[in-house]
Amino acid sequence: MGREGSKDVQNAIFAGFKSAAVTAVVSSASVALAVRHVPWAKANLNHTGRTLIVCGASLFMFALTTDQAILETQRKNTRYK
């Protein structure tokens, strides 16, 4: 992989981290509100459950965004001229 390929991968990973950070903030806020106002969530979600929800959502968004960015770059690089 050349310099351009390495730079593309770094950009994809950075985009993944940004989307994971935004997802973590949004999902943390929504889980906190749910635990406060929804009786089922208050009774059944302990700290571990809340953490797993936030981590799972963040991990999913990281993988999805990184994959999309890499595929978009590949698509752009393999267009016929």
PDB file of N, CA and C in Angstrom:
ATOM      1  N   MET A   1       0.850  -1.168   0.000  1.00  0.00           N
ATOM      2  CA  MET A   1       0.000   0.000   0.000  1.00  0.00           C
ATOM      3  C   MET A   1       0.898   1.233   0.000  1.00  0.00           C
ATOM      4  N   GLY A   2       0.602   2.148  -0.902  1.00  0.00           N
ATOM      5  CA  GLY A   2       1.403   3.357  -1.014  1.00  0.00           C
ATOM      6  C   GLY A   2       0.985   4.410  -0.018  1.00  0.00           C
ATOM      7  N   ARG A   3       1.576   5.576  -0.181  1.00  0.00           N
ATOM      8  CA  ARG A   3       1.272   6.673   0.729  1.00  0.00           C
ATOM      9  C   ARG A   3      -0.188   7.101   0.637  1.00  0.00           C
ATOM     10  N   GLU A   4      -0.729   7.130  -0.580  1.00  0.00           N
ATOM     11  CA  GLU A   4      -2.120   7.555  -0.749  1.00  0.00           C
ATOM     12  C   GLU A   4      -3.071   6.576  -0.074  1.00  0.00           C
ATOM     13  N   GLY A   5      -2.800   5.282  -0.207  1.00  0.00           N
ATOM     14  CA  GLY A   5      -3.645   4.277   0.421  1.00  0.00           C
ATOM     15  C   GLY A   5      -3.609   4.381   1.932  1.00  0.00           C
ATOM     16  N   SER A   6      -2.425   4.609   2.475  1.00  0.00           N
ATOM     17  CA  SER A   6      -2.283   4.759   3.915  1.00  0.00           C
ATOM     18  C   SER A   6      -3.020   5.997   4.408  1.00  0.00           C
ATOM     19  N   LYS A   7      -2.936   7.068   3.651  1.00  0.00           N
ATOM     20  CA  LYS A   7      -3.628   8.308   4.025  1.00  0.00           C
ATOM     21  C   LYS A   7      -5.146   8.113   3.981  1.00  0.00           C
ATOM     22  N   ASP A   8      -5.621   7.359   2.987  1.00  0.00           N
ATOM     23  CA  ASP A   8      -7.054   7.086   2.882  1.00  0.00           C
ATOM     24  C   ASP A   8      -7.551   6.274   4.079  1.00  0.00           C
ATOM     25  N   VAL A   9      -6.771   5.308   4.506  1.00  0.00           N
ATOM     26  CA  VAL A   9      -7.144   4.494   5.656  1.00  0.00           C
ATOM     27  C   VAL A   9      -7.148   5.349   6.921  1.00  0.00           C
ATOM     28  N   GLN A  10      -6.155   6.221   7.064  1.00  0.00           N
ATOM     29  CA  GLN A  10      -6.121   7.108   8.232  1.00  0.00           C
ATOM     30  C   GLN A  10      -7.331   8.035   8.252  1.00  0.00           C
ATOM     31  N   ASN A  11      -7.711   8.556   7.099  1.00  0.00           N
ATOM     32  CA  ASN A  11      -8.899   9.410   7.028  1.00  0.00           C
ATOM     33  C   ASN A  11     -10.160   8.637   7.382  1.00  0.00           C
ATOM     34  N   ALA A  12     -10.247   7.392   6.935  1.00  0.00           N
ATOM     35  CA  ALA A  12     -11.413   6.566   7.259  1.00  0.00           C
ATOM     36  C   ALA A  12     -11.482   6.281   8.756  1.00  0.00           C
ATOM     37  N   ILE A  13     -10.344   5.994   9.369  1.00  0.00           N
ATOM     38  CA  ILE A  13     -10.323   5.724  10.808  1.00  0.00           C
ATOM     39  C   ILE A  13     -10.689   6.983  11.593  1.00  0.00           C
ATOM     40  N   PHE A  14     -10.195   8.133  11.158  1.00  0.00           N
ATOM     41  CA  PHE A  14     -10.537   9.385  11.833  1.00  0.00           C
ATOM     42  C   PHE A  14     -12.032   9.668  11.723  1.00  0.00           C
ATOM     43  N   ALA A  15     -12.608   9.426  10.550  1.00  0.00           N
ATOM     44  CA  ALA A  15     -14.050   9.612  10.379  1.00  0.00           C
ATOM     45  C   ALA A  15     -14.824   8.652  11.281  1.00  0.00           C
ATOM     46  N   GLY A  16     -14.320   7.429  11.418  1.00  0.00           N
ATOM     47  CA  GLY A  16     -14.950   6.456  12.309  1.00  0.00           C
ATOM     48  C   GLY A  16     -14.907   6.896  13.758  1.00  0.00           C
ATOM     49  N   PHE A  17     -13.775   7.436  14.189  1.00  0.00           N
ATOM     50  CA  PHE A  17     -13.667   7.924  15.568  1.00  0.00           C
ATOM     51  C   PHE A  17     -14.616   9.090  15.817  1.00  0.00           C
ATOM     52  N   LYS A  18     -14.732   9.984  14.845  1.00  0.00           N
ATOM     53  CA  LYS A  18     -15.645  11.119  15.018  1.00  0.00           C
ATOM     54  C   LYS A  18     -17.086  10.644  15.157  1.00  0.00           C
ATOM     55  N   SER A  19     -17.498   9.728  14.299  1.00  0.00           N
ATOM     56  CA  SER A  19     -18.877   9.252  14.380  1.00  0.00           C
ATOM     57  C   SER A  19     -19.113   8.444  15.660  1.00  0.00           C
ATOM     58  N   ALA A  20     -18.110   7.694  16.109  1.00  0.00           N
ATOM     59  CA  ALA A  20     -18.247   6.937  17.354  1.00  0.00           C
ATOM     60  C   ALA A  20     -18.373   7.874  18.557  1.00  0.00           C
ATOM     61  N   ALA A  21     -17.639   8.979  18.533  1.00  0.00           N
ATOM     62  CA  ALA A  21     -17.722   9.941  19.640  1.00  0.00           C
ATOM     63  C   ALA A  21     -19.101  10.592  19.696  1.00  0.00           C
ATOM     64  N   VAL A  22     -19.611  10.977  18.550  1.00  0.00           N
ATOM     65  CA  VAL A  22     -20.948  11.586  18.508  1.00  0.00           C
ATOM     66  C   VAL A  22     -21.997  10.579  18.965  1.00  0.00           C
ATOM     67  N   THR A  23     -21.873   9.345  18.513  1.00  0.00           N
ATOM     68  CA  THR A  23     -22.817   8.300  18.913  1.00  0.00           C
ATOM     69  C   THR A  23     -22.749   8.032  20.409  1.00  0.00           C
ATOM     70  N   ALA A  24     -21.554   8.048  20.971  1.00  0.00           N
ATOM     71  CA  ALA A  24     -21.411   7.816  22.410  1.00  0.00           C
ATOM     72  C   ALA A  24     -22.118   8.902  23.211  1.00  0.00           C
ATOM     73  N   VAL A  25     -21.973  10.144  22.799  1.00  0.00           N
ATOM     74  CA  VAL A  25     -22.621  11.250  23.519  1.00  0.00           C
ATOM     75  C   VAL A  25     -24.135  11.129  23.413  1.00  0.00           C
ATOM     76  N   VAL A  26     -24.625  10.897  22.201  1.00  0.00           N
ATOM     77  CA  VAL A  26     -26.072  10.821  21.992  1.00  0.00           C
ATOM     78  C   VAL A  26     -26.669   9.614  22.711  1.00  0.00           C
ATOM     79  N   SER A  27     -26.021   8.462  22.606  1.00  0.00           N
ATOM     80  CA  SER A  27     -26.573   7.279  23.260  1.00  0.00           C
ATOM     81  C   SER A  27     -26.455   7.374  24.785  1.00  0.00           C
ATOM     82  N   SER A  28     -25.418   8.013  25.293  1.00  0.00           N
ATOM     83  CA  SER A  28     -25.311   8.206  26.744  1.00  0.00           C
ATOM     84  C   SER A  28     -26.449   9.060  27.267  1.00  0.00           C
ATOM     85  N   ALA A  29     -26.740  10.122  26.550  1.00  0.00           N
ATOM     86  CA  ALA A  29     -27.832  10.999  26.975  1.00  0.00           C
ATOM     87  C   ALA A  29     -29.167  10.270  26.915  1.00  0.00           C
ATOM     88  N   SER A  30     -29.393   9.513  25.849  1.00  0.00           N
ATOM     89  CA  SER A  30     -30.687   8.827  25.724  1.00  0.00           C
ATOM     90  C   SER A  30     -30.829   7.713  26.759  1.00  0.00           C
ATOM     91  N   VAL A  31     -29.749   6.996  27.055  1.00  0.00           N
ATOM     92  CA  VAL A  31     -29.816   5.950  28.080  1.00  0.00           C
ATOM     93  C   VAL A  31     -30.038   6.575  29.452  1.00  0.00           C
ATOM     94  N   ALA A  32     -29.370   7.682  29.731  1.00  0.00           N
ATOM     95  CA  ALA A  32     -29.551   8.346  31.024  1.00  0.00           C
ATOM     96  C   ALA A  32     -30.996   8.821  31.196  1.00  0.00           C
ATOM     97  N   LEU A  33     -31.567   9.375  30.140  1.00  0.00           N
ATOM     98  CA  LEU A  33     -32.965   9.813  30.225  1.00  0.00           C
ATOM     99  C   LEU A  33     -33.915   8.624  30.369  1.00  0.00           C
ATOM    100  N   ALA A  34     -33.635   7.556  29.656  1.00  0.00           N
ATOM    101  CA  ALA A  34     -34.495   6.372  29.747  1.00  0.00           C
ATOM    102  C   ALA A  34     -34.462   5.778  31.149  1.00  0.00           C
ATOM    103  N   VAL A  35     -33.291   5.709  31.748  1.00  0.00           N
ATOM    104  CA  VAL A  35     -33.172   5.141  33.086  1.00  0.00           C
ATOM    105  C   VAL A  35     -33.892   6.016  34.106  1.00  0.00           C
ATOM    106  N   ARG A  36     -33.943   7.283  33.841  1.00  0.00           N
ATOM    107  CA  ARG A  36     -34.615   8.187  34.768  1.00  0.00           C
ATOM    108  C   ARG A  36     -36.138   8.156  34.648  1.00  0.00           C
ATOM    109  N   HIS A  37     -36.649   8.006  33.416  1.00  0.00           N
ATOM    110  CA  HIS A  37     -38.078   8.201  33.200  1.00  0.00           C
ATOM    111  C   HIS A  37     -38.858   6.949  32.817  1.00  0.00           C
ATOM    112  N   VAL A  38     -38.193   5.895  32.397  1.00  0.00           N
ATOM    113  CA  VAL A  38     -38.888   4.666  32.000  1.00  0.00           C
ATOM    114  C   VAL A  38     -38.751   3.660  33.140  1.00  0.00           C
ATOM    115  N   PRO A  39     -39.866   3.229  33.706  1.00  0.00           N
ATOM    116  CA  PRO A  39     -39.793   2.326  34.867  1.00  0.00           C
ATOM    117  C   PRO A  39     -39.066   1.007  34.573  1.00  0.00           C
ATOM    118  N   TRP A  40     -39.292   0.423  33.398  1.00  0.00           N
ATOM    119  CA  TRP A  40     -38.620  -0.835  33.088  1.00  0.00           C
ATOM    120  C   TRP A  40     -37.108  -0.643  33.068  1.00  0.00           C
ATOM    121  N   ALA A  41     -36.650   0.424  32.420  1.00  0.00           N
ATOM    122  CA  ALA A  41     -35.213   0.676  32.333  1.00  0.00           C
ATOM    123  C   ALA A  41     -34.625   0.951  33.709  1.00  0.00           C
ATOM    124  N   LYS A  42     -35.357   1.668  34.527  1.00  0.00           N
ATOM    125  CA  LYS A  42     -34.874   1.968  35.875  1.00  0.00           C
ATOM    126  C   LYS A  42     -34.708   0.682  36.689  1.00  0.00           C
ATOM    127  N   ALA A  43     -35.631  -0.252  36.505  1.00  0.00           N
ATOM    128  CA  ALA A  43     -35.588  -1.486  37.289  1.00  0.00           C
ATOM    129  C   ALA A  43     -34.583  -2.506  36.741  1.00  0.00           C
ATOM    130  N   ASN A  44     -34.357  -2.513  35.440  1.00  0.00           N
ATOM    131  CA  ASN A  44     -33.601  -3.617  34.838  1.00  0.00           C
ATOM    132  C   ASN A  44     -32.228  -3.275  34.282  1.00  0.00           C
ATOM    133  N   LEU A  45     -31.893  -2.014  34.093  1.00  0.00           N
ATOM    134  CA  LEU A  45     -30.586  -1.671  33.525  1.00  0.00           C
ATOM    135  C   LEU A  45     -29.639  -1.221  34.629  1.00  0.00           C
ATOM    136  N   ASN A  46     -28.654  -2.069  34.926  1.00  0.00           N
ATOM    137  CA  ASN A  46     -27.634  -1.652  35.889  1.00  0.00           C
ATOM    138  C   ASN A  46     -26.522  -0.913  35.129  1.00  0.00           C
ATOM    139  N   HIS A  47     -25.451  -0.577  35.802  1.00  0.00           N
ATOM    140  CA  HIS A  47     -24.366   0.191  35.173  1.00  0.00           C
ATOM    141  C   HIS A  47     -23.727  -0.572  34.012  1.00  0.00           C
ATOM    142  N   THR A  48     -23.600  -1.879  34.174  1.00  0.00           N
ATOM    143  CA  THR A  48     -23.003  -2.674  33.102  1.00  0.00           C
ATOM    144  C   THR A  48     -23.874  -2.669  31.861  1.00  0.00           C
ATOM    145  N   GLY A  49     -25.165  -2.799  32.031  1.00  0.00           N
ATOM    146  CA  GLY A  49     -26.085  -2.774  30.898  1.00  0.00           C
ATOM    147  C   GLY A  49     -26.058  -1.447  30.170  1.00  0.00           C
ATOM    148  N   ARG A  50     -26.024  -0.379  30.919  1.00  0.00           N
ATOM    149  CA  ARG A  50     -25.960   0.960  30.305  1.00  0.00           C
ATOM    150  C   ARG A  50     -24.669   1.126  29.513  1.00  0.00           C
ATOM    151  N   THR A  51     -23.569   0.675  30.101  1.00  0.00           N
ATOM    152  CA  THR A  51     -22.271   0.784  29.427  1.00  0.00           C
ATOM    153  C   THR A  51     -22.239  -0.048  28.148  1.00  0.00           C
ATOM    154  N   LEU A  52     -22.805  -1.243  28.198  1.00  0.00           N
ATOM    155  CA  LEU A  52     -22.827  -2.095  27.013  1.00  0.00           C
ATOM    156  C   LEU A  52     -23.659  -1.482  25.889  1.00  0.00           C
ATOM    157  N   ILE A  53     -24.740  -0.808  26.222  1.00  0.00           N
ATOM    158  CA  ILE A  53     -25.554  -0.149  25.200  1.00  0.00           C
ATOM    159  C   ILE A  53     -24.753   0.945  24.512  1.00  0.00           C
ATOM    160  N   VAL A  54     -24.100   1.780  25.296  1.00  0.00           N
ATOM    161  CA  VAL A  54     -23.325   2.893  24.735  1.00  0.00           C
ATOM    162  C   VAL A  54     -22.133   2.366  23.926  1.00  0.00           C
ATOM    163  N   CYS A  55     -21.412   1.394  24.462  1.00  0.00           N
ATOM    164  CA  CYS A  55     -20.244   0.844  23.756  1.00  0.00           C
ATOM    165  C   CYS A  55     -20.647   0.125  22.479  1.00  0.00           C
ATOM    166  N   GLY A  56     -21.733  -0.607  22.536  1.00  0.00           N
ATOM    167  CA  GLY A  56     -22.199  -1.316  21.348  1.00  0.00           C
ATOM    168  C   GLY A  56     -22.591  -0.362  20.231  1.00  0.00           C
ATOM    169  N   ALA A  57     -23.305   0.684  20.579  1.00  0.00           N
ATOM    170  CA  ALA A  57     -23.697   1.665  19.570  1.00  0.00           C
ATOM    171  C   ALA A  57     -22.471   2.370  18.984  1.00  0.00           C
ATOM    172  N   SER A  58     -21.523   2.726  19.832  1.00  0.00           N
ATOM    173  CA  SER A  58     -20.314   3.413  19.355  1.00  0.00           C
ATOM    174  C   SER A  58     -19.472   2.504  18.464  1.00  0.00           C
ATOM    175  N   LEU A  59     -19.318   1.261  18.861  1.00  0.00           N
ATOM    176  CA  LEU A  59     -18.545   0.316  18.059  1.00  0.00           C
ATOM    177  C   LEU A  59     -19.198   0.084  16.701  1.00  0.00           C
ATOM    178  N   PHE A  60     -20.508  -0.051  16.691  1.00  0.00           N
ATOM    179  CA  PHE A  60     -21.222  -0.245  15.431  1.00  0.00           C
ATOM    180  C   PHE A  60     -21.024   0.950  14.504  1.00  0.00           C
ATOM    181  N   MET A  61     -21.140   2.166  15.030  1.00  0.00           N
ATOM    182  CA  MET A  61     -20.973   3.353  14.187  1.00  0.00           C
ATOM    183  C   MET A  61     -19.544   3.495  13.691  1.00  0.00           C
ATOM    184  N   PHE A  62     -18.556   3.144  14.528  1.00  0.00           N
ATOM    185  CA  PHE A  62     -17.166   3.189  14.080  1.00  0.00           C
ATOM    186  C   PHE A  62     -16.954   2.252  12.900  1.00  0.00           C
ATOM    187  N   ALA A  63     -17.422   1.009  13.043  1.00  0.00           N
ATOM    188  CA  ALA A  63     -17.229   0.022  11.981  1.00  0.00           C
ATOM    189  C   ALA A  63     -17.970   0.431  10.717  1.00  0.00           C
ATOM    190  N   LEU A  64     -19.187   0.909  10.863  1.00  0.00           N
ATOM    191  CA  LEU A  64     -19.986   1.292   9.703  1.00  0.00           C
ATOM    192  C   LEU A  64     -19.369   2.474   8.961  1.00  0.00           C
ATOM    193  N   THR A  65     -18.979   3.508   9.680  1.00  0.00           N
ATOM    194  CA  THR A  65     -18.420   4.701   9.049  1.00  0.00           C
ATOM    195  C   THR A  65     -17.074   4.408   8.398  1.00  0.00           C
ATOM    196  N   THR A  66     -16.228   3.653   9.078  1.00  0.00           N
ATOM    197  CA  THR A  66     -14.921   3.317   8.518  1.00  0.00           C
ATOM    198  C   THR A  66     -15.076   2.489   7.241  1.00  0.00           C
ATOM    199  N   ASP A  67     -15.968   1.522   7.281  1.00  0.00           N
ATOM    200  CA  ASP A  67     -16.201   0.684   6.108  1.00  0.00           C
ATOM    201  C   ASP A  67     -16.734   1.516   4.943  1.00  0.00           C
ATOM    202  N   GLN A  68     -17.678   2.400   5.219  1.00  0.00           N
ATOM    203  CA  GLN A  68     -18.225   3.244   4.155  1.00  0.00           C
ATOM    204  C   GLN A  68     -17.157   4.155   3.560  1.00  0.00           C
ATOM    205  N   ALA A  69     -16.313   4.725   4.395  1.00  0.00           N
ATOM    206  CA  ALA A  69     -15.267   5.620   3.898  1.00  0.00           C
ATOM    207  C   ALA A  69     -14.260   4.872   3.031  1.00  0.00           C
ATOM    208  N   ILE A  70     -13.874   3.668   3.452  1.00  0.00           N
ATOM    209  CA  ILE A  70     -12.919   2.895   2.658  1.00  0.00           C
ATOM    210  C   ILE A  70     -13.544   2.467   1.334  1.00  0.00           C
ATOM    211  N   LEU A  71     -14.789   2.018   1.359  1.00  0.00           N
ATOM    212  CA  LEU A  71     -15.455   1.612   0.125  1.00  0.00           C
ATOM    213  C   LEU A  71     -15.652   2.789  -0.823  1.00  0.00           C
ATOM    214  N   GLU A  72     -15.962   3.953  -0.279  1.00  0.00           N
ATOM    215  CA  GLU A  72     -16.120   5.147  -1.116  1.00  0.00           C
ATOM    216  C   GLU A  72     -14.795   5.513  -1.787  1.00  0.00           C
ATOM    217  N   THR A  73     -13.700   5.420  -1.058  1.00  0.00           N
ATOM    218  CA  THR A  73     -12.392   5.714  -1.617  1.00  0.00           C
ATOM    219  C   THR A  73     -12.026   4.698  -2.700  1.00  0.00           C
ATOM    220  N   GLN A  74     -12.310   3.432  -2.452  1.00  0.00           N
ATOM    221  CA  GLN A  74     -12.027   2.414  -3.462  1.00  0.00           C
ATOM    222  C   GLN A  74     -12.863   2.648  -4.719  1.00  0.00           C
ATOM    223  N   ARG A  75     -14.114   2.992  -4.526  1.00  0.00           N
ATOM    224  CA  ARG A  75     -14.983   3.256  -5.669  1.00  0.00           C
ATOM    225  C   ARG A  75     -14.459   4.429  -6.488  1.00  0.00           C
ATOM    226  N   LYS A  76     -13.992   5.445  -5.796  1.00  0.00           N
ATOM    227  CA  LYS A  76     -13.461   6.622  -6.469  1.00  0.00           C
ATOM    228  C   LYS A  76     -12.170   6.298  -7.241  1.00  0.00           C
ATOM    229  N   ASN A  77     -11.347   5.417  -6.667  1.00  0.00           N
ATOM    230  CA  ASN A  77     -10.072   5.079  -7.288  1.00  0.00           C
ATOM    231  C   ASN A  77     -10.192   4.098  -8.449  1.00  0.00           C
ATOM    232  N   THR A  78     -11.304   3.355  -8.533  1.00  0.00           N
ATOM    233  CA  THR A  78     -11.422   2.343  -9.579  1.00  0.00           C
ATOM    234  C   THR A  78     -12.379   2.739 -10.697  1.00  0.00           C
ATOM    235  N   ARG A  79     -12.751   3.990 -10.756  1.00  0.00           N
ATOM    236  CA  ARG A  79     -13.629   4.441 -11.848  1.00  0.00           C
ATOM    237  C   ARG A  79     -12.892   4.360 -13.164  1.00  0.00           C
ATOM    238  N   TYR A  80     -13.618   3.974 -14.199  1.00  0.00           N
ATOM    239  CA  TYR A  80     -13.035   3.896 -15.540  1.00  0.00           C
ATOM    240  C   TYR A  80     -12.894   5.285 -16.101  1.00  0.00           C
ATOM    241  N   LYS A  81     -11.801   5.502 -16.809  1.00  0.00           N
ATOM    242  CA  LYS A  81     -11.539   6.833 -17.371  1.00  0.00           C
ATOM    243  C   LYS A  81     -11.760   6.836 -18.857  1.00  0.00           C
TER     244      LYS A  81
END
